[in-house]
Amino acid sequence: MELIRTCNDTYRTLRILGLTSSVRKKLGGQLLVWAEQGARTGDQSRYRLAMSHAQIAEFIGTSRESVTRTLANFRRGGLVEFRGSMATIPSVAALREYVERR
């Protein structure tokens, strides 16, 4: 079961990164993949994100500045919160809807 989940997460990550050109969609999609692995309470997810903005940028294939700017937009919109290395997605559905908008 764990192997299936890992394969599905990898497939989603490759799909997000390979088929998406928007930083908002790449970063938001990857945050959603990580949120699925986190502790869920209703529609909220909490997980440890022990990566710097530069590491995230390298992972999704963009610049550190773009990651910083996009995360700031997500924070202002109430879509993600950070406390140290803990990331909280208050509403996974709201982030998914925001990411999927054109």
PDB file of N, CA and C in Angstrom:
ATOM      1  N   MET A   1       0.820  -1.193   0.000  1.00  0.00           N
ATOM      2  CA  MET A   1       0.000   0.000   0.000  1.00  0.00           C
ATOM      3  C   MET A   1       0.866   1.259   0.000  1.00  0.00           C
ATOM      4  N   GLU A   2       1.944   1.226   0.785  1.00  0.00           N
ATOM      5  CA  GLU A   2       2.862   2.364   0.852  1.00  0.00           C
ATOM      6  C   GLU A   2       3.531   2.591  -0.503  1.00  0.00           C
ATOM      7  N   LEU A   3       3.894   1.518  -1.178  1.00  0.00           N
ATOM      8  CA  LEU A   3       4.525   1.630  -2.497  1.00  0.00           C
ATOM      9  C   LEU A   3       3.570   2.264  -3.507  1.00  0.00           C
ATOM     10  N   ILE A   4       2.304   1.887  -3.450  1.00  0.00           N
ATOM     11  CA  ILE A   4       1.305   2.463  -4.357  1.00  0.00           C
ATOM     12  C   ILE A   4       1.162   3.955  -4.107  1.00  0.00           C
ATOM     13  N   ARG A   5       1.105   4.353  -2.839  1.00  0.00           N
ATOM     14  CA  ARG A   5       0.979   5.773  -2.505  1.00  0.00           C
ATOM     15  C   ARG A   5       2.208   6.545  -2.973  1.00  0.00           C
ATOM     16  N   THR A   6       3.388   5.989  -2.775  1.00  0.00           N
ATOM     17  CA  THR A   6       4.615   6.637  -3.225  1.00  0.00           C
ATOM     18  C   THR A   6       4.631   6.787  -4.742  1.00  0.00           C
ATOM     19  N   CYS A   7       4.229   5.750  -5.452  1.00  0.00           N
ATOM     20  CA  CYS A   7       4.171   5.817  -6.918  1.00  0.00           C
ATOM     21  C   CYS A   7       3.163   6.863  -7.376  1.00  0.00           C
ATOM     22  N   ASN A   8       2.008   6.906  -6.743  1.00  0.00           N
ATOM     23  CA  ASN A   8       0.990   7.905  -7.105  1.00  0.00           C
ATOM     24  C   ASN A   8       1.478   9.327  -6.841  1.00  0.00           C
ATOM     25  N   ASP A   9       2.148   9.544  -5.704  1.00  0.00           N
ATOM     26  CA  ASP A   9       2.695  10.868  -5.392  1.00  0.00           C
ATOM     27  C   ASP A   9       3.749  11.272  -6.414  1.00  0.00           C
ATOM     28  N   THR A  10       4.590  10.331  -6.786  1.00  0.00           N
ATOM     29  CA  THR A  10       5.632  10.607  -7.788  1.00  0.00           C
ATOM     30  C   THR A  10       5.007  10.935  -9.133  1.00  0.00           C
ATOM     31  N   TYR A  11       3.999  10.184  -9.510  1.00  0.00           N
ATOM     32  CA  TYR A  11       3.302  10.438 -10.782  1.00  0.00           C
ATOM     33  C   TYR A  11       2.683  11.838 -10.785  1.00  0.00           C
ATOM     34  N   ARG A  12       2.013  12.217  -9.689  1.00  0.00           N
ATOM     35  CA  ARG A  12       1.399  13.550  -9.600  1.00  0.00           C
ATOM     36  C   ARG A  12       2.450  14.646  -9.686  1.00  0.00           C
ATOM     37  N   THR A  13       3.571  14.441  -9.001  1.00  0.00           N
ATOM     38  CA  THR A  13       4.646  15.439  -9.040  1.00  0.00           C
ATOM     39  C   THR A  13       5.177  15.595 -10.454  1.00  0.00           C
ATOM     40  N   LEU A  14       5.441  14.487 -11.136  1.00  0.00           N
ATOM     41  CA  LEU A  14       5.945  14.558 -12.508  1.00  0.00           C
ATOM     42  C   LEU A  14       4.937  15.221 -13.432  1.00  0.00           C
ATOM     43  N   ARG A  15       3.670  14.927 -13.235  1.00  0.00           N
ATOM     44  CA  ARG A  15       2.620  15.533 -14.060  1.00  0.00           C
ATOM     45  C   ARG A  15       2.554  17.042 -13.837  1.00  0.00           C
ATOM     46  N   ILE A  16       2.619  17.456 -12.584  1.00  0.00           N
ATOM     47  CA  ILE A  16       2.573  18.880 -12.247  1.00  0.00           C
ATOM     48  C   ILE A  16       3.759  19.607 -12.855  1.00  0.00           C
ATOM     49  N   LEU A  17       4.937  19.058 -12.652  1.00  0.00           N
ATOM     50  CA  LEU A  17       6.150  19.736 -13.092  1.00  0.00           C
ATOM     51  C   LEU A  17       6.341  19.673 -14.601  1.00  0.00           C
ATOM     52  N   GLY A  18       5.915  18.587 -15.215  1.00  0.00           N
ATOM     53  CA  GLY A  18       6.131  18.423 -16.645  1.00  0.00           C
ATOM     54  C   GLY A  18       5.104  19.095 -17.519  1.00  0.00           C
ATOM     55  N   LEU A  19       3.897  19.231 -17.035  1.00  0.00           N
ATOM     56  CA  LEU A  19       2.817  19.750 -17.872  1.00  0.00           C
ATOM     57  C   LEU A  19       2.374  21.157 -17.511  1.00  0.00           C
ATOM     58  N   THR A  20       2.989  21.746 -16.521  1.00  0.00           N
ATOM     59  CA  THR A  20       2.558  23.055 -16.045  1.00  0.00           C
ATOM     60  C   THR A  20       3.674  24.075 -16.246  1.00  0.00           C
ATOM     61  N   SER A  21       3.320  25.234 -16.766  1.00  0.00           N
ATOM     62  CA  SER A  21       4.329  26.272 -16.949  1.00  0.00           C
ATOM     63  C   SER A  21       4.226  27.362 -15.883  1.00  0.00           C
ATOM     64  N   SER A  22       3.093  27.500 -15.232  1.00  0.00           N
ATOM     65  CA  SER A  22       2.861  28.535 -14.236  1.00  0.00           C
ATOM     66  C   SER A  22       3.504  28.161 -12.898  1.00  0.00           C
ATOM     67  N   VAL A  23       4.238  29.094 -12.310  1.00  0.00           N
ATOM     68  CA  VAL A  23       4.842  28.861 -10.996  1.00  0.00           C
ATOM     69  C   VAL A  23       3.746  28.630  -9.963  1.00  0.00           C
ATOM     70  N   ARG A  24       2.655  29.389 -10.064  1.00  0.00           N
ATOM     71  CA  ARG A  24       1.534  29.230  -9.132  1.00  0.00           C
ATOM     72  C   ARG A  24       1.021  27.794  -9.171  1.00  0.00           C
ATOM     73  N   LYS A  25       0.869  27.243 -10.367  1.00  0.00           N
ATOM     74  CA  LYS A  25       0.352  25.878 -10.496  1.00  0.00           C
ATOM     75  C   LYS A  25       1.381  24.839 -10.073  1.00  0.00           C
ATOM     76  N   LYS A  26       2.645  25.054 -10.425  1.00  0.00           N
ATOM     77  CA  LYS A  26       3.694  24.107 -10.031  1.00  0.00           C
ATOM     78  C   LYS A  26       3.831  24.059  -8.511  1.00  0.00           C
ATOM     79  N   LEU A  27       3.985  25.235  -7.899  1.00  0.00           N
ATOM     80  CA  LEU A  27       4.197  25.289  -6.460  1.00  0.00           C
ATOM     81  C   LEU A  27       2.946  24.850  -5.709  1.00  0.00           C
ATOM     82  N   GLY A  28       1.795  25.363  -6.112  1.00  0.00           N
ATOM     83  CA  GLY A  28       0.555  24.976  -5.446  1.00  0.00           C
ATOM     84  C   GLY A  28       0.272  23.492  -5.583  1.00  0.00           C
ATOM     85  N   GLY A  29       0.507  22.958  -6.771  1.00  0.00           N
ATOM     86  CA  GLY A  29       0.304  21.520  -6.978  1.00  0.00           C
ATOM     87  C   GLY A  29       1.226  20.690  -6.115  1.00  0.00           C
ATOM     88  N   GLN A  30       2.483  21.116  -6.002  1.00  0.00           N
ATOM     89  CA  GLN A  30       3.414  20.368  -5.165  1.00  0.00           C
ATOM     90  C   GLN A  30       3.051  20.492  -3.688  1.00  0.00           C
ATOM     91  N   LEU A  31       2.608  21.673  -3.259  1.00  0.00           N
ATOM     92  CA  LEU A  31       2.141  21.816  -1.871  1.00  0.00           C
ATOM     93  C   LEU A  31       0.970  20.873  -1.593  1.00  0.00           C
ATOM     94  N   LEU A  32       0.099  20.698  -2.577  1.00  0.00           N
ATOM     95  CA  LEU A  32      -1.032  19.775  -2.415  1.00  0.00           C
ATOM     96  C   LEU A  32      -0.564  18.329  -2.293  1.00  0.00           C
ATOM     97  N   VAL A  33       0.441  17.940  -3.084  1.00  0.00           N
ATOM     98  CA  VAL A  33       0.985  16.579  -2.979  1.00  0.00           C
ATOM     99  C   VAL A  33       1.555  16.369  -1.581  1.00  0.00           C
ATOM    100  N   TRP A  34       2.332  17.337  -1.101  1.00  0.00           N
ATOM    101  CA  TRP A  34       2.892  17.215   0.248  1.00  0.00           C
ATOM    102  C   TRP A  34       1.792  17.234   1.302  1.00  0.00           C
ATOM    103  N   ALA A  35       0.734  18.007   1.082  1.00  0.00           N
ATOM    104  CA  ALA A  35      -0.375  18.090   2.044  1.00  0.00           C
ATOM    105  C   ALA A  35      -1.064  16.742   2.207  1.00  0.00           C
ATOM    106  N   GLU A  36      -1.126  15.971   1.139  1.00  0.00           N
ATOM    107  CA  GLU A  36      -1.751  14.650   1.220  1.00  0.00           C
ATOM    108  C   GLU A  36      -0.976  13.709   2.135  1.00  0.00           C
ATOM    109  N   GLN A  37       0.308  13.971   2.303  1.00  0.00           N
ATOM    110  CA  GLN A  37       1.149  13.139   3.169  1.00  0.00           C
ATOM    111  C   GLN A  37       1.120  13.620   4.615  1.00  0.00           C
ATOM    112  N   GLY A  38       0.539  14.788   4.852  1.00  0.00           N
ATOM    113  CA  GLY A  38       0.536  15.378   6.184  1.00  0.00           C
ATOM    114  C   GLY A  38      -0.592  14.875   7.064  1.00  0.00           C
ATOM    115  N   ALA A  39      -0.638  15.429   8.265  1.00  0.00           N
ATOM    116  CA  ALA A  39      -1.696  15.109   9.220  1.00  0.00           C
ATOM    117  C   ALA A  39      -2.936  15.908   8.838  1.00  0.00           C
ATOM    118  N   ARG A  40      -4.029  15.202   8.608  1.00  0.00           N
ATOM    119  CA  ARG A  40      -5.262  15.857   8.169  1.00  0.00           C
ATOM    120  C   ARG A  40      -6.240  15.981   9.330  1.00  0.00           C
ATOM    121  N   THR A  41      -6.875  17.142   9.399  1.00  0.00           N
ATOM    122  CA  THR A  41      -7.982  17.388  10.321  1.00  0.00           C
ATOM    123  C   THR A  41      -9.057  18.048   9.487  1.00  0.00           C
ATOM    124  N   GLY A  42     -10.063  17.292   9.108  1.00  0.00           N
ATOM    125  CA  GLY A  42     -11.069  17.826   8.199  1.00  0.00           C
ATOM    126  C   GLY A  42     -10.409  18.162   6.872  1.00  0.00           C
ATOM    127  N   ASP A  43     -10.536  19.416   6.444  1.00  0.00           N
ATOM    128  CA  ASP A  43      -9.954  19.848   5.175  1.00  0.00           C
ATOM    129  C   ASP A  43      -8.586  20.508   5.371  1.00  0.00           C
ATOM    130  N   GLN A  44      -8.100  20.527   6.601  1.00  0.00           N
ATOM    131  CA  GLN A  44      -6.807  21.146   6.915  1.00  0.00           C
ATOM    132  C   GLN A  44      -5.711  20.089   6.904  1.00  0.00           C
ATOM    133  N   SER A  45      -4.517  20.486   6.485  1.00  0.00           N
ATOM    134  CA  SER A  45      -3.369  19.581   6.493  1.00  0.00           C
ATOM    135  C   SER A  45      -2.172  20.297   7.093  1.00  0.00           C
ATOM    136  N   ARG A  46      -1.420  19.575   7.916  1.00  0.00           N
ATOM    137  CA  ARG A  46      -0.178  20.103   8.494  1.00  0.00           C
ATOM    138  C   ARG A  46       0.940  19.123   8.186  1.00  0.00           C
ATOM    139  N   TYR A  47       2.075  19.677   7.770  1.00  0.00           N
ATOM    140  CA  TYR A  47       3.213  18.816   7.481  1.00  0.00           C
ATOM    141  C   TYR A  47       4.510  19.605   7.622  1.00  0.00           C
ATOM    142  N   ARG A  48       5.585  18.869   7.814  1.00  0.00           N
ATOM    143  CA  ARG A  48       6.901  19.494   7.952  1.00  0.00           C
ATOM    144  C   ARG A  48       7.477  19.704   6.557  1.00  0.00           C
ATOM    145  N   LEU A  49       7.843  20.944   6.276  1.00  0.00           N
ATOM    146  CA  LEU A  49       8.452  21.299   4.998  1.00  0.00           C
ATOM    147  C   LEU A  49       9.858  21.805   5.309  1.00  0.00           C
ATOM    148  N   ALA A  50      10.798  20.879   5.326  1.00  0.00           N
ATOM    149  CA  ALA A  50      12.169  21.207   5.711  1.00  0.00           C
ATOM    150  C   ALA A  50      13.019  21.504   4.482  1.00  0.00           C
ATOM    151  N   MET A  51      12.511  22.376   3.607  1.00  0.00           N
ATOM    152  CA  MET A  51      13.240  22.784   2.410  1.00  0.00           C
ATOM    153  C   MET A  51      13.274  24.307   2.376  1.00  0.00           C
ATOM    154  N   SER A  52      14.394  24.848   1.932  1.00  0.00           N
ATOM    155  CA  SER A  52      14.487  26.303   1.764  1.00  0.00           C
ATOM    156  C   SER A  52      13.765  26.697   0.477  1.00  0.00           C
ATOM    157  N   HIS A  53      13.530  27.983   0.309  1.00  0.00           N
ATOM    158  CA  HIS A  53      12.900  28.452  -0.931  1.00  0.00           C
ATOM    159  C   HIS A  53      13.759  28.076  -2.137  1.00  0.00           C
ATOM    160  N   ALA A  54      15.080  28.142  -1.980  1.00  0.00           N
ATOM    161  CA  ALA A  54      15.986  27.777  -3.074  1.00  0.00           C
ATOM    162  C   ALA A  54      15.851  26.290  -3.418  1.00  0.00           C
ATOM    163  N   GLN A  55      15.725  25.445  -2.402  1.00  0.00           N
ATOM    164  CA  GLN A  55      15.579  24.006  -2.643  1.00  0.00           C
ATOM    165  C   GLN A  55      14.238  23.700  -3.309  1.00  0.00           C
ATOM    166  N   ILE A  56      13.190  24.371  -2.869  1.00  0.00           N
ATOM    167  CA  ILE A  56      11.882  24.185  -3.496  1.00  0.00           C
ATOM    168  C   ILE A  56      11.947  24.628  -4.950  1.00  0.00           C
ATOM    169  N   ALA A  57      12.583  25.769  -5.191  1.00  0.00           N
ATOM    170  CA  ALA A  57      12.707  26.295  -6.557  1.00  0.00           C
ATOM    171  C   ALA A  57      13.430  25.301  -7.451  1.00  0.00           C
ATOM    172  N   GLU A  58      14.505  24.728  -6.966  1.00  0.00           N
ATOM    173  CA  GLU A  58      15.240  23.738  -7.749  1.00  0.00           C
ATOM    174  C   GLU A  58      14.374  22.509  -8.000  1.00  0.00           C
ATOM    175  N   PHE A  59      13.623  22.099  -6.997  1.00  0.00           N
ATOM    176  CA  PHE A  59      12.765  20.918  -7.102  1.00  0.00           C
ATOM    177  C   PHE A  59      11.691  21.093  -8.173  1.00  0.00           C
ATOM    178  N   ILE A  60      11.073  22.302  -8.235  1.00  0.00           N
ATOM    179  CA  ILE A  60       9.987  22.505  -9.203  1.00  0.00           C
ATOM    180  C   ILE A  60      10.454  23.184 -10.490  1.00  0.00           C
ATOM    181  N   GLY A  61      11.732  23.517 -10.566  1.00  0.00           N
ATOM    182  CA  GLY A  61      12.277  24.060 -11.802  1.00  0.00           C
ATOM    183  C   GLY A  61      11.966  25.522 -12.053  1.00  0.00           C
ATOM    184  N   THR A  62      12.142  26.338 -11.043  1.00  0.00           N
ATOM    185  CA  THR A  62      11.918  27.781 -11.179  1.00  0.00           C
ATOM    186  C   THR A  62      12.956  28.522 -10.340  1.00  0.00           C
ATOM    187  N   SER A  63      12.814  29.816 -10.202  1.00  0.00           N
ATOM    188  CA  SER A  63      13.780  30.593  -9.421  1.00  0.00           C
ATOM    189  C   SER A  63      13.331  30.725  -7.959  1.00  0.00           C
ATOM    190  N   ARG A  64      14.304  30.976  -7.087  1.00  0.00           N
ATOM    191  CA  ARG A  64      13.996  31.175  -5.677  1.00  0.00           C
ATOM    192  C   ARG A  64      13.097  32.381  -5.492  1.00  0.00           C
ATOM    193  N   GLU A  65      13.338  33.425  -6.271  1.00  0.00           N
ATOM    194  CA  GLU A  65      12.526  34.637  -6.167  1.00  0.00           C
ATOM    195  C   GLU A  65      11.064  34.351  -6.499  1.00  0.00           C
ATOM    196  N   SER A  66      10.837  33.526  -7.507  1.00  0.00           N
ATOM    197  CA  SER A  66       9.462  33.179  -7.890  1.00  0.00           C
ATOM    198  C   SER A  66       8.772  32.382  -6.793  1.00  0.00           C
ATOM    199  N   VAL A  67       9.508  31.483  -6.158  1.00  0.00           N
ATOM    200  CA  VAL A  67       8.937  30.700  -5.047  1.00  0.00           C
ATOM    201  C   VAL A  67       8.587  31.632  -3.894  1.00  0.00           C
ATOM    202  N   THR A  68       9.496  32.526  -3.535  1.00  0.00           N
ATOM    203  CA  THR A  68       9.258  33.454  -2.427  1.00  0.00           C
ATOM    204  C   THR A  68       8.039  34.331  -2.715  1.00  0.00           C
ATOM    205  N   ARG A  69       7.965  34.868  -3.917  1.00  0.00           N
ATOM    206  CA  ARG A  69       6.848  35.735  -4.299  1.00  0.00           C
ATOM    207  C   ARG A  69       5.521  34.960  -4.299  1.00  0.00           C
ATOM    208  N   THR A  70       5.535  33.751  -4.840  1.00  0.00           N
ATOM    209  CA  THR A  70       4.306  32.956  -4.927  1.00  0.00           C
ATOM    210  C   THR A  70       3.844  32.506  -3.547  1.00  0.00           C
ATOM    211  N   LEU A  71       4.777  32.099  -2.690  1.00  0.00           N
ATOM    212  CA  LEU A  71       4.401  31.729  -1.320  1.00  0.00           C
ATOM    213  C   LEU A  71       3.828  32.919  -0.570  1.00  0.00           C
ATOM    214  N   ALA A  72       4.383  34.104  -0.797  1.00  0.00           N
ATOM    215  CA  ALA A  72       3.846  35.316  -0.164  1.00  0.00           C
ATOM    216  C   ALA A  72       2.413  35.554  -0.625  1.00  0.00           C
ATOM    217  N   ASN A  73       2.137  35.340  -1.906  1.00  0.00           N
ATOM    218  CA  ASN A  73       0.763  35.471  -2.417  1.00  0.00           C
ATOM    219  C   ASN A  73      -0.154  34.437  -1.780  1.00  0.00           C
ATOM    220  N   PHE A  74       0.326  33.203  -1.637  1.00  0.00           N
ATOM    221  CA  PHE A  74      -0.463  32.154  -0.993  1.00  0.00           C
ATOM    222  C   PHE A  74      -0.767  32.525   0.457  1.00  0.00           C
ATOM    223  N   ARG A  75       0.241  33.058   1.162  1.00  0.00           N
ATOM    224  CA  ARG A  75       0.043  33.466   2.564  1.00  0.00           C
ATOM    225  C   ARG A  75      -0.980  34.588   2.665  1.00  0.00           C
ATOM    226  N   ARG A  76      -0.830  35.625   1.817  1.00  0.00           N
ATOM    227  CA  ARG A  76      -1.780  36.746   1.847  1.00  0.00           C
ATOM    228  C   ARG A  76      -3.203  36.281   1.569  1.00  0.00           C
ATOM    229  N   GLY A  77      -3.343  35.281   0.730  1.00  0.00           N
ATOM    230  CA  GLY A  77      -4.662  34.756   0.402  1.00  0.00           C
ATOM    231  C   GLY A  77      -5.197  33.771   1.435  1.00  0.00           C
ATOM    232  N   GLY A  78      -4.409  33.502   2.486  1.00  0.00           N
ATOM    233  CA  GLY A  78      -4.846  32.570   3.529  1.00  0.00           C
ATOM    234  C   GLY A  78      -4.829  31.116   3.079  1.00  0.00           C
ATOM    235  N   LEU A  79      -4.044  30.817   2.061  1.00  0.00           N
ATOM    236  CA  LEU A  79      -4.013  29.465   1.513  1.00  0.00           C
ATOM    237  C   LEU A  79      -2.963  28.580   2.162  1.00  0.00           C
ATOM    238  N   VAL A  80      -1.952  29.197   2.762  1.00  0.00           N
ATOM    239  CA  VAL A  80      -0.889  28.447   3.432  1.00  0.00           C
ATOM    240  C   VAL A  80      -0.347  29.293   4.577  1.00  0.00           C
ATOM    241  N   GLU A  81       0.074  28.621   5.637  1.00  0.00           N
ATOM    242  CA  GLU A  81       0.678  29.287   6.791  1.00  0.00           C
ATOM    243  C   GLU A  81       1.950  28.534   7.145  1.00  0.00           C
ATOM    244  N   PHE A  82       2.959  29.270   7.598  1.00  0.00           N
ATOM    245  CA  PHE A  82       4.202  28.634   8.029  1.00  0.00           C
ATOM    246  C   PHE A  82       4.547  29.077   9.431  1.00  0.00           C
ATOM    247  N   ARG A  83       4.982  28.137  10.219  1.00  0.00           N
ATOM    248  CA  ARG A  83       5.511  28.400  11.554  1.00  0.00           C
ATOM    249  C   ARG A  83       6.767  27.549  11.666  1.00  0.00           C
ATOM    250  N   GLY A  84       7.906  28.204  11.431  1.00  0.00           N
ATOM    251  CA  GLY A  84       9.154  27.436  11.343  1.00  0.00           C
ATOM    252  C   GLY A  84       9.090  26.545  10.110  1.00  0.00           C
ATOM    253  N   SER A  85       9.347  25.260  10.303  1.00  0.00           N
ATOM    254  CA  SER A  85       9.308  24.337   9.176  1.00  0.00           C
ATOM    255  C   SER A  85       7.944  23.648   9.028  1.00  0.00           C
ATOM    256  N   MET A  86       6.993  24.031   9.877  1.00  0.00           N
ATOM    257  CA  MET A  86       5.652  23.434   9.781  1.00  0.00           C
ATOM    258  C   MET A  86       4.775  24.246   8.835  1.00  0.00           C
ATOM    259  N   ALA A  87       4.255  23.566   7.829  1.00  0.00           N
ATOM    260  CA  ALA A  87       3.340  24.191   6.873  1.00  0.00           C
ATOM    261  C   ALA A  87       1.929  23.746   7.208  1.00  0.00           C
ATOM    262  N   THR A  88       1.003  24.676   7.153  1.00  0.00           N
ATOM    263  CA  THR A  88      -0.404  24.363   7.372  1.00  0.00           C
ATOM    264  C   THR A  88      -1.180  24.855   6.160  1.00  0.00           C
ATOM    265  N   ILE A  89      -1.971  23.967   5.609  1.00  0.00           N
ATOM    266  CA  ILE A  89      -2.906  24.319   4.545  1.00  0.00           C
ATOM    267  C   ILE A  89      -4.272  24.345   5.217  1.00  0.00           C
ATOM    268  N   PRO A  90      -4.803  25.548   5.518  1.00  0.00           N
ATOM    269  CA  PRO A  90      -6.075  25.631   6.243  1.00  0.00           C
ATOM    270  C   PRO A  90      -7.224  24.951   5.502  1.00  0.00           C
ATOM    271  N   SER A  91      -7.226  25.044   4.182  1.00  0.00           N
ATOM    272  CA  SER A  91      -8.271  24.402   3.383  1.00  0.00           C
ATOM    273  C   SER A  91      -7.634  23.848   2.112  1.00  0.00           C
ATOM    274  N   VAL A  92      -7.476  22.537   2.086  1.00  0.00           N
ATOM    275  CA  VAL A  92      -6.901  21.878   0.913  1.00  0.00           C
ATOM    276  C   VAL A  92      -7.778  22.158  -0.310  1.00  0.00           C
ATOM    277  N   ALA A  93      -9.085  22.163  -0.122  1.00  0.00           N
ATOM    278  CA  ALA A  93     -10.006  22.413  -1.239  1.00  0.00           C
ATOM    279  C   ALA A  93      -9.821  23.823  -1.794  1.00  0.00           C
ATOM    280  N   ALA A  94      -9.629  24.812  -0.927  1.00  0.00           N
ATOM    281  CA  ALA A  94      -9.436  26.196  -1.380  1.00  0.00           C
ATOM    282  C   ALA A  94      -8.126  26.337  -2.153  1.00  0.00           C
ATOM    283  N   LEU A  95      -7.062  25.699  -1.677  1.00  0.00           N
ATOM    284  CA  LEU A  95      -5.789  25.753  -2.396  1.00  0.00           C
ATOM    285  C   LEU A  95      -5.922  25.057  -3.745  1.00  0.00           C
ATOM    286  N   ARG A  96      -6.579  23.910  -3.768  1.00  0.00           N
ATOM    287  CA  ARG A  96      -6.769  23.178  -5.027  1.00  0.00           C
ATOM    288  C   ARG A  96      -7.549  24.045  -6.039  1.00  0.00           C
ATOM    289  N   GLU A  97      -8.598  24.705  -5.572  1.00  0.00           N
ATOM    290  CA  GLU A  97      -9.401  25.560  -6.444  1.00  0.00           C
ATOM    291  C   GLU A  97      -8.566  26.727  -6.975  1.00  0.00           C
ATOM    292  N   TYR A  98      -7.756  27.327  -6.103  1.00  0.00           N
ATOM    293  CA  TYR A  98      -6.905  28.453  -6.503  1.00  0.00           C
ATOM    294  C   TYR A  98      -5.874  28.005  -7.546  1.00  0.00           C
ATOM    295  N   VAL A  99      -5.285  26.861  -7.344  1.00  0.00           N
ATOM    296  CA  VAL A  99      -4.256  26.345  -8.242  1.00  0.00           C
ATOM    297  C   VAL A  99      -4.847  25.997  -9.612  1.00  0.00           C
ATOM    298  N   GLU A 100      -6.051  25.473  -9.625  1.00  0.00           N
ATOM    299  CA  GLU A 100      -6.660  25.012 -10.870  1.00  0.00           C
ATOM    300  C   GLU A 100      -7.276  26.128 -11.695  1.00  0.00           C
ATOM    301  N   ARG A 101      -7.410  27.334 -11.115  1.00  0.00           N
ATOM    302  CA  ARG A 101      -7.913  28.474 -11.894  1.00  0.00           C
ATOM    303  C   ARG A 101      -6.962  28.786 -13.012  1.00  0.00           C
ATOM    304  N   ARG A 102      -7.481  29.312 -14.092  1.00  0.00           N
ATOM    305  CA  ARG A 102      -6.635  29.679 -15.242  1.00  0.00           C
ATOM    306  C   ARG A 102      -5.876  30.916 -14.990  1.00  0.00           C
TER     307      ARG A 102
END
